[in-house]
Amino acid sequence: MKQFTLRLQVKAQRPVIKLVDFYGFDALLDTGALFPVWVEDESILKELDAVLLMENVEFGGFGGKATGNLYRIPMLKVGELLFPNFHMISCKLNLPCKMILSATMFDDLIYEVDNHNHRFNVSIPDTQSTVRNLVIEDQNGNLHVLCSSGKVS
């Protein structure tokens, strides 16, 4: 089993990590979220070579329904985890971070948000890869997120 630990920001009231290998952006860990969400200006995504996949997609979250644009970015790295061709929804919000990392990103992994010691601990079972394939698809007007172990293509 592989393991890694990321530091939670001490002064944040919510579990926020710094994505050192992704431009140093801050990301909120949301263990109840289905979709990863970019909450800053979309112009930053475009600078990161993100590709717009769909506009004005409706998704559940934030206490109801929200609307955003679906993007694919070439690579996201969270600690030891690699997410090639990573899908996320862009929906501008006033949060102390650039993005929300969803629970679905860590499917089939073991993770712990340790607020006391300011750590985000992740264990990767031997049956899983550090490479994660996360795709958001529209199926009959409903968005679904799929995340699995895989290979960098």
Protein backbone atom coordinates (compact mmCIF):
# COMPACT_ATOMS: atom_id res chain seq x y z
CA MET A 1 0.00 0.00 0.00
CA LYS A 2 1.32 3.44 -0.93
CA GLN A 3 0.68 6.43 1.31
CA PHE A 4 1.19 10.17 1.25
CA THR A 5 0.28 13.12 3.43
CA LEU A 6 -0.49 16.73 2.49
CA ARG A 7 -0.61 19.61 4.96
CA LEU A 8 -3.92 21.29 5.68
CA GLN A 9 -3.68 25.04 5.94
CA VAL A 10 -3.59 25.86 9.64
CA LYS A 11 -5.49 29.16 9.46
CA ALA A 12 -8.30 27.87 7.22
CA GLN A 13 -11.59 27.00 8.92
CA ARG A 14 -12.18 24.32 6.30
CA PRO A 15 -9.85 21.56 5.04
CA VAL A 16 -7.78 23.40 2.41
CA ILE A 17 -4.57 22.06 0.85
CA LYS A 18 -2.00 23.72 -1.38
CA LEU A 19 -1.54 21.90 -4.68
CA VAL A 20 2.21 22.37 -4.82
CA ASP A 21 2.47 20.51 -8.14
CA PHE A 22 -0.49 22.37 -9.67
CA TYR A 23 0.64 26.00 -9.74
CA GLY A 24 0.45 26.21 -5.94
CA PHE A 25 -3.32 26.68 -6.07
CA ASP A 26 -5.35 26.19 -2.91
CA ALA A 27 -8.03 23.51 -3.02
CA LEU A 28 -10.89 22.80 -0.62
CA LEU A 29 -11.47 19.12 0.25
CA ASP A 30 -15.20 18.48 0.13
CA THR A 31 -15.98 14.94 1.24
CA GLY A 32 -19.62 15.41 0.29
CA ALA A 33 -19.01 16.69 -3.23
CA LEU A 34 -19.75 14.63 -6.31
CA PHE A 35 -18.10 16.96 -8.85
CA PRO A 36 -14.75 18.72 -8.73
CA VAL A 37 -15.39 22.43 -9.26
CA TRP A 38 -13.21 25.33 -10.39
CA VAL A 39 -14.46 28.36 -8.43
CA GLU A 40 -12.25 31.12 -9.87
CA ASP A 41 -12.31 33.03 -13.15
CA GLU A 42 -12.38 30.78 -16.22
CA SER A 43 -9.65 32.83 -17.89
CA ILE A 44 -7.16 31.08 -15.57
CA LEU A 45 -8.36 27.69 -16.83
CA LYS A 46 -7.78 28.79 -20.40
CA GLU A 47 -4.22 29.81 -19.48
CA LEU A 48 -3.74 26.24 -18.20
CA ASP A 49 -4.69 24.85 -21.65
CA ALA A 50 -8.10 23.71 -20.42
CA VAL A 51 -10.56 22.71 -23.14
CA LEU A 52 -14.21 23.73 -22.89
CA LEU A 53 -16.33 20.59 -23.35
CA MET A 54 -19.86 21.84 -22.61
CA GLU A 55 -21.45 25.15 -21.66
CA ASN A 56 -24.22 25.80 -19.13
CA VAL A 57 -24.38 22.35 -17.60
CA GLU A 58 -26.68 21.95 -14.63
CA PHE A 59 -25.36 19.99 -11.69
CA GLY A 60 -26.39 19.28 -8.11
CA GLY A 61 -24.44 21.00 -5.39
CA PHE A 62 -24.22 23.93 -3.00
CA GLY A 63 -27.59 23.10 -1.45
CA GLY A 64 -29.48 22.76 -4.74
CA LYS A 65 -28.86 23.10 -8.45
CA ALA A 66 -26.06 25.12 -10.00
CA THR A 67 -24.90 25.86 -13.53
CA GLY A 68 -21.38 25.92 -14.90
CA ASN A 69 -19.16 25.05 -17.82
CA LEU A 70 -17.47 21.66 -18.15
CA TYR A 71 -13.71 21.70 -18.84
CA ARG A 72 -10.93 19.17 -19.35
CA ILE A 73 -7.45 20.07 -18.17
CA PRO A 74 -4.38 18.14 -19.38
CA MET A 75 -3.14 17.02 -15.93
CA LEU A 76 -3.94 17.58 -12.28
CA LYS A 77 -1.59 16.35 -9.57
CA VAL A 78 -2.77 15.96 -5.97
CA GLY A 79 0.12 14.67 -3.87
CA GLU A 80 1.10 11.37 -5.48
CA LEU A 81 -2.13 11.10 -7.49
CA LEU A 82 -2.15 11.96 -11.19
CA PHE A 83 -5.36 12.86 -13.00
CA PRO A 84 -4.70 13.00 -16.77
CA ASN A 85 -7.38 14.67 -18.92
CA PHE A 86 -9.14 15.75 -15.73
CA HIS A 87 -12.75 16.95 -16.00
CA MET A 88 -14.11 19.69 -13.75
CA ILE A 89 -17.00 22.11 -13.74
CA SER A 90 -16.33 25.83 -13.58
CA CYS A 91 -18.75 27.75 -11.37
CA LYS A 92 -17.59 31.08 -9.93
CA LEU A 93 -17.98 31.19 -6.14
CA ASN A 94 -16.57 33.31 -3.37
CA LEU A 95 -14.32 30.79 -1.60
CA PRO A 96 -10.79 31.03 -0.17
CA CYS A 97 -9.46 28.65 -2.84
CA LYS A 98 -9.35 28.11 -6.59
CA MET A 99 -11.05 24.72 -6.69
CA ILE A 100 -13.04 22.12 -4.81
CA LEU A 101 -11.74 18.56 -4.78
CA SER A 102 -14.61 16.08 -4.65
CA ALA A 103 -14.90 12.82 -2.73
CA THR A 104 -15.31 10.98 -6.04
CA MET A 105 -11.70 11.80 -6.90
CA PHE A 106 -10.65 9.45 -4.10
CA ASP A 107 -12.99 6.53 -4.91
CA ASP A 108 -11.53 3.18 -3.77
CA LEU A 109 -8.80 4.96 -1.78
CA ILE A 110 -8.52 5.40 1.98
CA TYR A 111 -8.33 9.01 3.09
CA GLU A 112 -8.47 10.91 6.34
CA VAL A 113 -8.91 14.61 7.00
CA ASP A 114 -6.98 15.04 10.25
CA ASN A 115 -7.90 18.54 11.40
CA HIS A 116 -6.18 18.13 14.75
CA ASN A 117 -2.75 17.58 13.18
CA HIS A 118 -3.50 19.59 10.01
CA ARG A 119 -2.99 16.67 7.64
CA PHE A 120 -4.74 15.04 4.71
CA ASN A 121 -3.64 11.40 4.68
CA VAL A 122 -4.20 9.20 1.63
CA SER A 123 -3.55 5.47 1.33
CA ILE A 124 -3.59 3.77 -2.07
CA PRO A 125 -4.37 0.05 -1.85
CA ASP A 126 -2.22 -2.26 -3.98
CA THR A 127 -5.26 -2.90 -6.20
CA GLN A 128 -5.36 0.81 -7.15
CA SER A 129 -3.06 3.02 -9.19
CA THR A 130 -1.71 6.48 -8.44
CA VAL A 131 -3.08 7.40 -11.87
CA ARG A 132 -6.78 8.25 -11.64
CA ASN A 133 -9.14 8.69 -14.57
CA LEU A 134 -11.96 11.09 -13.72
CA VAL A 135 -14.56 11.86 -16.36
CA ILE A 136 -17.82 13.82 -16.12
CA GLU A 137 -20.38 12.65 -18.66
CA ASP A 138 -23.83 13.79 -19.67
CA GLN A 139 -26.24 10.86 -19.73
CA ASN A 140 -29.75 11.83 -20.81
CA GLY A 141 -29.40 15.35 -19.44
CA ASN A 142 -27.89 14.24 -16.10
CA LEU A 143 -24.22 14.62 -15.25
CA HIS A 144 -22.38 11.60 -13.87
CA VAL A 145 -18.84 11.39 -12.60
CA LEU A 146 -16.72 8.28 -13.14
CA CYS A 147 -13.37 7.78 -11.42
CA SER A 148 -11.13 4.75 -11.68
CA SER A 149 -7.50 3.68 -11.55
CA GLY A 150 -5.75 3.76 -14.86
CA LYS A 151 -2.68 4.62 -16.85
CA VAL A 152 -1.36 7.87 -18.26
CA SER A 153 -2.14 7.75 -21.98
